[in-house]
Amino acid sequence: MNADLHQPSPEVDATFRGLPGQWDWIEADLGNRLIPAQIVERACALWGGVDILVNNAAYTDHKGGAALETTEAEWQRQLDITLTGTFLLTRLGILEMIKRGGGAIVNTSSIGGLNPFGGTIAYSTAKAAILQLTRSVAIDYGLQGIRCNAVCPGPIDTPTFRAIKDDPYELADREARTALGRIGRPEEVAAAVAFLASEEASYITGATLVVDGGSSASQWNPRLGPRGLAVPRPHS
């Protein structure tokens, strides 16, 4: 399910594409509170219910900004799409999953939700809240057969990452910060999501799976170059 990141329309506007019974691409603005119900209704009409829900929407039009640089409107827009949209879809998904005896929910957070990026207070806060939402759903609905987990992607080669990829210095910096020395591929995150949604992960819930090539495993590695710090001499 994809969030259209343009400004919200006062009208409900969800575009459905695909072949019924095979796949369906739903493009909608999750900042519109009426959209989640429309998405779930469409899914139930196509497939008879909801077994798996992957919440992957985020607001990336405004990702930067420290507290004094982030307007109230930008803060609210980030929370409306990234957090409230996920909450509303999750709540509706739970109702449908209970009817079917269980299901799996996978939420997309970010390594920025574990340790905030500088100057991204709204984005990092929303992504951190996704992790707590994930754990809350897991403990509240486990006895109904519903599992809820989260993935935290690191630097991934997506359109959102294009500005960094097009800057040789920035790209080299991101690559050097990963243990594997490269940017991740979208299918590598998709594989983690598919695993958490599958029966192979039947005893995993309330967990966070970090998919970042090891970039959050260390504060520094030699590929980042010398830090130029003088070693203090012991007092005599």
C-alpha atoms as a PDB file:
ATOM      1  CA  MET A   1       0.000   0.000   0.000  1.00  0.00           C
ATOM      2  CA  ASN A   2       1.493   3.254  -1.118  1.00  0.00           C
ATOM      3  CA  ALA A   3       0.974   6.784   0.123  1.00  0.00           C
ATOM      4  CA  ASP A   4       0.723   9.534  -2.441  1.00  0.00           C
ATOM      5  CA  LEU A   5       2.912  12.239  -0.936  1.00  0.00           C
ATOM      6  CA  HIS A   6       1.213  15.211  -2.564  1.00  0.00           C
ATOM      7  CA  GLN A   7      -0.937  17.570  -0.550  1.00  0.00           C
ATOM      8  CA  PRO A   8      -4.183  15.923   0.607  1.00  0.00           C
ATOM      9  CA  SER A   9      -7.366  16.430  -1.320  1.00  0.00           C
ATOM     10  CA  PRO A  10     -10.582  17.162   0.558  1.00  0.00           C
ATOM     11  CA  GLU A  11     -12.166  14.384  -1.488  1.00  0.00           C
ATOM     12  CA  VAL A  12     -11.512  10.705  -0.958  1.00  0.00           C
ATOM     13  CA  ASP A  13      -9.199   9.681  -3.766  1.00  0.00           C
ATOM     14  CA  ALA A  14      -7.773   6.173  -3.982  1.00  0.00           C
ATOM     15  CA  THR A  15      -6.640   4.755  -7.313  1.00  0.00           C
ATOM     16  CA  PHE A  16      -6.915   0.989  -7.690  1.00  0.00           C
ATOM     17  CA  ARG A  17      -4.995  -0.825 -10.388  1.00  0.00           C
ATOM     18  CA  GLY A  18      -4.293  -4.484 -11.101  1.00  0.00           C
ATOM     19  CA  LEU A  19      -5.982  -7.765 -11.805  1.00  0.00           C
ATOM     20  CA  PRO A  20      -8.601  -8.873  -9.257  1.00  0.00           C
ATOM     21  CA  GLY A  21      -7.540 -12.081  -7.543  1.00  0.00           C
ATOM     22  CA  GLN A  22      -3.901 -11.643  -8.572  1.00  0.00           C
ATOM     23  CA  TRP A  23      -2.560  -8.301  -7.417  1.00  0.00           C
ATOM     24  CA  ASP A  24      -3.824  -4.835  -6.783  1.00  0.00           C
ATOM     25  CA  TRP A  25      -1.856  -1.610  -6.504  1.00  0.00           C
ATOM     26  CA  ILE A  26      -3.533   0.961  -4.313  1.00  0.00           C
ATOM     27  CA  GLU A  27      -2.260   4.535  -4.508  1.00  0.00           C
ATOM     28  CA  ALA A  28      -3.775   6.782  -1.881  1.00  0.00           C
ATOM     29  CA  ASP A  29      -3.006   9.546   0.578  1.00  0.00           C
ATOM     30  CA  LEU A  30      -2.928   8.018   4.054  1.00  0.00           C
ATOM     31  CA  GLY A  31      -3.061  11.519   5.486  1.00  0.00           C
ATOM     32  CA  ASN A  32      -6.762  11.372   4.577  1.00  0.00           C
ATOM     33  CA  ARG A  33      -8.490   9.609   7.508  1.00  0.00           C
ATOM     34  CA  LEU A  34     -11.132   8.081   5.195  1.00  0.00           C
ATOM     35  CA  ILE A  35      -8.635   6.249   2.988  1.00  0.00           C
ATOM     36  CA  PRO A  36      -7.661   3.284   5.268  1.00  0.00           C
ATOM     37  CA  ALA A  37     -11.251   1.999   5.400  1.00  0.00           C
ATOM     38  CA  GLN A  38     -11.514   2.253   1.629  1.00  0.00           C
ATOM     39  CA  ILE A  39      -8.282   0.276   1.210  1.00  0.00           C
ATOM     40  CA  VAL A  40      -9.399  -2.521   3.537  1.00  0.00           C
ATOM     41  CA  GLU A  41     -12.838  -2.687   1.928  1.00  0.00           C
ATOM     42  CA  ARG A  42     -11.163  -3.056  -1.471  1.00  0.00           C
ATOM     43  CA  ALA A  43      -8.892  -5.815  -0.186  1.00  0.00           C
ATOM     44  CA  CYS A  44     -11.817  -7.713   1.309  1.00  0.00           C
ATOM     45  CA  ALA A  45     -13.803  -7.370  -1.919  1.00  0.00           C
ATOM     46  CA  LEU A  46     -10.904  -8.768  -3.952  1.00  0.00           C
ATOM     47  CA  TRP A  47      -9.632 -11.500  -1.664  1.00  0.00           C
ATOM     48  CA  GLY A  48     -12.384 -12.121   0.880  1.00  0.00           C
ATOM     49  CA  GLY A  49     -10.443 -10.816   3.866  1.00  0.00           C
ATOM     50  CA  VAL A  50      -7.068  -9.740   5.190  1.00  0.00           C
ATOM     51  CA  ASP A  51      -4.368 -12.240   6.169  1.00  0.00           C
ATOM     52  CA  ILE A  52      -1.257 -10.058   5.829  1.00  0.00           C
ATOM     53  CA  LEU A  53      -0.886  -6.310   6.228  1.00  0.00           C
ATOM     54  CA  VAL A  54       2.329  -4.502   5.354  1.00  0.00           C
ATOM     55  CA  ASN A  55       2.402  -0.869   6.435  1.00  0.00           C
ATOM     56  CA  ASN A  56       5.054   0.744   4.251  1.00  0.00           C
ATOM     57  CA  ALA A  57       3.905   4.330   3.818  1.00  0.00           C
ATOM     58  CA  ALA A  58       5.943   7.321   4.938  1.00  0.00           C
ATOM     59  CA  TYR A  59       5.984  11.025   4.263  1.00  0.00           C
ATOM     60  CA  THR A  60       9.276  11.893   2.607  1.00  0.00           C
ATOM     61  CA  ASP A  61       8.461  15.299   1.129  1.00  0.00           C
ATOM     62  CA  HIS A  62       9.602  16.759   4.445  1.00  0.00           C
ATOM     63  CA  LYS A  63      12.219  14.553   6.069  1.00  0.00           C
ATOM     64  CA  GLY A  64      14.640  17.152   7.378  1.00  0.00           C
ATOM     65  CA  GLY A  65      14.445  19.803   9.997  1.00  0.00           C
ATOM     66  CA  ALA A  66      15.364  20.164  13.654  1.00  0.00           C
ATOM     67  CA  ALA A  67      12.738  21.323  16.143  1.00  0.00           C
ATOM     68  CA  LEU A  68      13.131  25.025  15.337  1.00  0.00           C
ATOM     69  CA  GLU A  69      13.126  24.323  11.592  1.00  0.00           C
ATOM     70  CA  THR A  70       9.999  22.152  11.534  1.00  0.00           C
ATOM     71  CA  THR A  71       6.621  23.836  11.298  1.00  0.00           C
ATOM     72  CA  GLU A  72       3.601  22.499  13.137  1.00  0.00           C
ATOM     73  CA  ALA A  73       2.014  21.666   9.773  1.00  0.00           C
ATOM     74  CA  GLU A  74       5.056  19.655   8.665  1.00  0.00           C
ATOM     75  CA  TRP A  75       5.151  17.843  12.013  1.00  0.00           C
ATOM     76  CA  GLN A  76       1.441  16.986  11.795  1.00  0.00           C
ATOM     77  CA  ARG A  77       1.659  15.891   8.148  1.00  0.00           C
ATOM     78  CA  GLN A  78       4.464  13.471   9.032  1.00  0.00           C
ATOM     79  CA  LEU A  79       2.511  11.988  11.927  1.00  0.00           C
ATOM     80  CA  ASP A  80      -0.733  11.798   9.923  1.00  0.00           C
ATOM     81  CA  ILE A  81       0.807   9.686   7.163  1.00  0.00           C
ATOM     82  CA  THR A  82       3.588   7.729   8.803  1.00  0.00           C
ATOM     83  CA  LEU A  83       2.048   7.040  12.209  1.00  0.00           C
ATOM     84  CA  THR A  84      -1.713   7.650  12.173  1.00  0.00           C
ATOM     85  CA  GLY A  85      -2.136   6.087   8.736  1.00  0.00           C
ATOM     86  CA  THR A  86      -0.333   2.992   9.991  1.00  0.00           C
ATOM     87  CA  PHE A  87      -2.460   2.919  13.148  1.00  0.00           C
ATOM     88  CA  LEU A  88      -5.755   3.203  11.280  1.00  0.00           C
ATOM     89  CA  LEU A  89      -4.847   0.521   8.743  1.00  0.00           C
ATOM     90  CA  THR A  90      -3.594  -1.727  11.535  1.00  0.00           C
ATOM     91  CA  ARG A  91      -6.792  -1.350  13.529  1.00  0.00           C
ATOM     92  CA  LEU A  92      -8.945  -2.212  10.529  1.00  0.00           C
ATOM     93  CA  GLY A  93      -6.626  -5.064   9.575  1.00  0.00           C
ATOM     94  CA  ILE A  94      -6.873  -6.540  13.067  1.00  0.00           C
ATOM     95  CA  LEU A  95     -10.662  -6.638  12.855  1.00  0.00           C
ATOM     96  CA  GLU A  96     -10.508  -8.590   9.594  1.00  0.00           C
ATOM     97  CA  MET A  97      -7.751 -10.911  10.832  1.00  0.00           C
ATOM     98  CA  ILE A  98      -9.728 -11.819  13.945  1.00  0.00           C
ATOM     99  CA  LYS A  99     -12.543 -13.012  11.661  1.00  0.00           C
ATOM    100  CA  ARG A 100     -10.072 -15.352   9.932  1.00  0.00           C
ATOM    101  CA  GLY A 101      -8.420 -16.646  13.084  1.00  0.00           C
ATOM    102  CA  GLY A 102      -5.215 -14.639  12.855  1.00  0.00           C
ATOM    103  CA  GLY A 103      -2.787 -12.946  10.544  1.00  0.00           C
ATOM    104  CA  ALA A 104       0.516 -11.120  10.258  1.00  0.00           C
ATOM    105  CA  ILE A 105       1.321  -7.415  10.280  1.00  0.00           C
ATOM    106  CA  VAL A 106       4.692  -6.018   9.231  1.00  0.00           C
ATOM    107  CA  ASN A 107       5.440  -2.343   9.799  1.00  0.00           C
ATOM    108  CA  THR A 108       8.245  -0.411   8.150  1.00  0.00           C
ATOM    109  CA  SER A 109      10.213   1.743  10.564  1.00  0.00           C
ATOM    110  CA  SER A 110      13.786   2.891   9.896  1.00  0.00           C
ATOM    111  CA  ILE A 111      17.196   2.858  11.505  1.00  0.00           C
ATOM    112  CA  GLY A 112      16.287   6.494  12.120  1.00  0.00           C
ATOM    113  CA  GLY A 113      13.620   5.167  14.455  1.00  0.00           C
ATOM    114  CA  LEU A 114      16.289   3.395  16.488  1.00  0.00           C
ATOM    115  CA  ASN A 115      18.805   6.236  16.535  1.00  0.00           C
ATOM    116  CA  PRO A 116      17.587   9.531  15.077  1.00  0.00           C
ATOM    117  CA  PHE A 117      19.253  11.165  12.121  1.00  0.00           C
ATOM    118  CA  GLY A 118      20.317  14.732  12.820  1.00  0.00           C
ATOM    119  CA  GLY A 119      17.787  17.315  11.718  1.00  0.00           C
ATOM    120  CA  THR A 120      14.880  14.906  11.167  1.00  0.00           C
ATOM    121  CA  ILE A 121      12.822  15.325  14.319  1.00  0.00           C
ATOM    122  CA  ALA A 122       9.404  14.640  12.752  1.00  0.00           C
ATOM    123  CA  TYR A 123      10.485  11.700  10.603  1.00  0.00           C
ATOM    124  CA  SER A 124      12.620  10.020  13.267  1.00  0.00           C
ATOM    125  CA  THR A 125       9.958  10.492  15.948  1.00  0.00           C
ATOM    126  CA  ALA A 126       7.253   8.973  13.750  1.00  0.00           C
ATOM    127  CA  LYS A 127       9.466   6.012  12.855  1.00  0.00           C
ATOM    128  CA  ALA A 128      10.348   5.446  16.517  1.00  0.00           C
ATOM    129  CA  ALA A 129       6.646   5.455  17.407  1.00  0.00           C
ATOM    130  CA  ILE A 130       6.063   2.755  14.770  1.00  0.00           C
ATOM    131  CA  LEU A 131       8.268   0.423  16.824  1.00  0.00           C
ATOM    132  CA  GLN A 132       6.246   0.979  19.984  1.00  0.00           C
ATOM    133  CA  LEU A 133       3.000   0.554  18.047  1.00  0.00           C
ATOM    134  CA  THR A 134       4.368  -2.740  16.719  1.00  0.00           C
ATOM    135  CA  ARG A 135       5.147  -4.070  20.192  1.00  0.00           C
ATOM    136  CA  SER A 136       1.800  -2.921  21.575  1.00  0.00           C
ATOM    137  CA  VAL A 137      -0.161  -4.717  18.861  1.00  0.00           C
ATOM    138  CA  ALA A 138       1.939  -7.850  19.363  1.00  0.00           C
ATOM    139  CA  ILE A 139       1.187  -8.136  23.069  1.00  0.00           C
ATOM    140  CA  ASP A 140      -2.464  -7.092  22.762  1.00  0.00           C
ATOM    141  CA  TYR A 141      -3.498  -9.453  19.960  1.00  0.00           C
ATOM    142  CA  GLY A 142      -1.141 -12.414  20.141  1.00  0.00           C
ATOM    143  CA  LEU A 143      -3.838 -14.614  21.700  1.00  0.00           C
ATOM    144  CA  GLN A 144      -6.034 -13.879  18.679  1.00  0.00           C
ATOM    145  CA  GLY A 145      -3.356 -15.376  16.454  1.00  0.00           C
ATOM    146  CA  ILE A 146      -2.076 -12.040  15.166  1.00  0.00           C
ATOM    147  CA  ARG A 147       1.657 -11.440  14.907  1.00  0.00           C
ATOM    148  CA  CYS A 148       3.094  -7.949  14.496  1.00  0.00           C
ATOM    149  CA  ASN A 149       6.718  -7.194  13.658  1.00  0.00           C
ATOM    150  CA  ALA A 150       8.751  -4.353  12.198  1.00  0.00           C
ATOM    151  CA  VAL A 151      11.636  -3.916   9.799  1.00  0.00           C
ATOM    152  CA  CYS A 152      14.160  -1.090  10.050  1.00  0.00           C
ATOM    153  CA  PRO A 153      15.787  -0.494   6.663  1.00  0.00           C
ATOM    154  CA  GLY A 154      19.045   1.393   6.379  1.00  0.00           C
ATOM    155  CA  PRO A 155      20.370   2.973   3.160  1.00  0.00           C
ATOM    156  CA  ILE A 156      18.382   1.348   0.346  1.00  0.00           C
ATOM    157  CA  ASP A 157      18.548   2.090  -3.390  1.00  0.00           C
ATOM    158  CA  THR A 158      15.061   3.534  -3.814  1.00  0.00           C
ATOM    159  CA  PRO A 159      13.835   6.719  -5.543  1.00  0.00           C
ATOM    160  CA  THR A 160      13.922   8.469  -2.152  1.00  0.00           C
ATOM    161  CA  PHE A 161      17.633   7.696  -1.940  1.00  0.00           C
ATOM    162  CA  ARG A 162      18.341   9.096  -5.421  1.00  0.00           C
ATOM    163  CA  ALA A 163      19.603  12.498  -4.281  1.00  0.00           C
ATOM    164  CA  ILE A 164      22.252  10.825  -2.135  1.00  0.00           C
ATOM    165  CA  LYS A 165      23.105   8.283  -4.822  1.00  0.00           C
ATOM    166  CA  ASP A 166      23.673  11.053  -7.350  1.00  0.00           C
ATOM    167  CA  ASP A 167      26.225  12.748  -5.062  1.00  0.00           C
ATOM    168  CA  PRO A 168      29.488  10.739  -5.230  1.00  0.00           C
ATOM    169  CA  TYR A 169      30.711  12.004  -1.854  1.00  0.00           C
ATOM    170  CA  GLU A 170      27.439  11.265  -0.057  1.00  0.00           C
ATOM    171  CA  LEU A 171      27.126   7.842  -1.681  1.00  0.00           C
ATOM    172  CA  ALA A 172      30.685   6.889  -0.743  1.00  0.00           C
ATOM    173  CA  ASP A 173      30.019   8.033   2.826  1.00  0.00           C
ATOM    174  CA  ARG A 174      26.881   5.877   3.144  1.00  0.00           C
ATOM    175  CA  GLU A 175      28.642   2.864   1.655  1.00  0.00           C
ATOM    176  CA  ALA A 176      31.604   3.272   4.003  1.00  0.00           C
ATOM    177  CA  ARG A 177      29.298   3.327   7.020  1.00  0.00           C
ATOM    178  CA  THR A 178      27.928  -0.157   6.279  1.00  0.00           C
ATOM    179  CA  ALA A 179      29.697  -3.343   7.310  1.00  0.00           C
ATOM    180  CA  LEU A 180      28.993  -4.783   3.863  1.00  0.00           C
ATOM    181  CA  GLY A 181      30.340  -1.693   2.091  1.00  0.00           C
ATOM    182  CA  ARG A 182      27.343  -1.123  -0.163  1.00  0.00           C
ATOM    183  CA  ILE A 183      23.816   0.252  -0.383  1.00  0.00           C
ATOM    184  CA  GLY A 184      20.985  -2.230   0.039  1.00  0.00           C
ATOM    185  CA  ARG A 185      18.558  -3.339  -2.653  1.00  0.00           C
ATOM    186  CA  PRO A 186      14.758  -3.028  -2.309  1.00  0.00           C
ATOM    187  CA  GLU A 187      14.336  -6.770  -2.779  1.00  0.00           C
ATOM    188  CA  GLU A 188      16.522  -7.386   0.260  1.00  0.00           C
ATOM    189  CA  VAL A 189      14.055  -5.478   2.427  1.00  0.00           C
ATOM    190  CA  ALA A 190      11.164  -7.220   0.664  1.00  0.00           C
ATOM    191  CA  ALA A 191      12.684 -10.601   1.544  1.00  0.00           C
ATOM    192  CA  ALA A 192      12.787  -9.637   5.231  1.00  0.00           C
ATOM    193  CA  VAL A 193       9.148  -8.510   5.091  1.00  0.00           C
ATOM    194  CA  ALA A 194       8.097 -11.714   3.319  1.00  0.00           C
ATOM    195  CA  PHE A 195       9.845 -13.785   5.977  1.00  0.00           C
ATOM    196  CA  LEU A 196       8.144 -11.983   8.871  1.00  0.00           C
ATOM    197  CA  ALA A 197       4.772 -12.363   7.155  1.00  0.00           C
ATOM    198  CA  SER A 198       5.265 -16.077   6.488  1.00  0.00           C
ATOM    199  CA  GLU A 199       4.661 -19.184   8.563  1.00  0.00           C
ATOM    200  CA  GLU A 200       8.426 -19.569   8.832  1.00  0.00           C
ATOM    201  CA  ALA A 201       8.243 -16.717  11.350  1.00  0.00           C
ATOM    202  CA  SER A 202       5.289 -18.226  13.235  1.00  0.00           C
ATOM    203  CA  TYR A 203       6.948 -17.785  16.652  1.00  0.00           C
ATOM    204  CA  ILE A 204       8.234 -14.269  16.020  1.00  0.00           C
ATOM    205  CA  THR A 205       6.177 -11.293  17.170  1.00  0.00           C
ATOM    206  CA  GLY A 206       6.912  -7.909  18.658  1.00  0.00           C
ATOM    207  CA  ALA A 207      10.350  -8.064  17.040  1.00  0.00           C
ATOM    208  CA  THR A 208      12.396  -5.558  15.067  1.00  0.00           C
ATOM    209  CA  LEU A 209      14.468  -6.834  12.155  1.00  0.00           C
ATOM    210  CA  VAL A 210      17.196  -4.396  11.108  1.00  0.00           C
ATOM    211  CA  VAL A 211      18.028  -4.537   7.385  1.00  0.00           C
ATOM    212  CA  ASP A 212      20.876  -2.056   7.033  1.00  0.00           C
ATOM    213  CA  GLY A 213      23.992  -3.922   5.932  1.00  0.00           C
ATOM    214  CA  GLY A 214      25.425  -3.490   9.409  1.00  0.00           C
ATOM    215  CA  SER A 215      25.448   0.310   9.331  1.00  0.00           C
ATOM    216  CA  SER A 216      23.969   0.574  12.834  1.00  0.00           C
ATOM    217  CA  ALA A 217      26.222  -2.110  14.326  1.00  0.00           C
ATOM    218  CA  SER A 218      29.104   0.282  14.942  1.00  0.00           C
ATOM    219  CA  GLN A 219      29.744   3.950  15.553  1.00  0.00           C
ATOM    220  CA  TRP A 220      32.790   4.027  13.287  1.00  0.00           C
ATOM    221  CA  ASN A 221      34.856   1.783  11.043  1.00  0.00           C
ATOM    222  CA  PRO A 222      38.268   2.251   9.366  1.00  0.00           C
ATOM    223  CA  ARG A 223      36.725   2.823   5.918  1.00  0.00           C
ATOM    224  CA  LEU A 224      35.552   6.231   7.146  1.00  0.00           C
ATOM    225  CA  GLY A 225      39.184   7.397   7.233  1.00  0.00           C
ATOM    226  CA  PRO A 226      41.329   8.887   9.984  1.00  0.00           C
ATOM    227  CA  ARG A 227      39.499  10.948  12.569  1.00  0.00           C
ATOM    228  CA  GLY A 228      42.503  13.158  13.362  1.00  0.00           C
ATOM    229  CA  LEU A 229      42.076  12.907  17.099  1.00  0.00           C
ATOM    230  CA  ALA A 230      45.129  13.525  19.217  1.00  0.00           C
ATOM    231  CA  VAL A 231      45.826  10.842  21.814  1.00  0.00           C
ATOM    232  CA  PRO A 232      45.909  12.518  25.236  1.00  0.00           C
ATOM    233  CA  ARG A 233      49.165  12.090  27.144  1.00  0.00           C
ATOM    234  CA  PRO A 234      48.909  10.796  30.704  1.00  0.00           C
ATOM    235  CA  HIS A 235      49.759  13.311  33.387  1.00  0.00           C
ATOM    236  CA  SER A 236      53.218  12.823  34.851  1.00  0.00           C
END
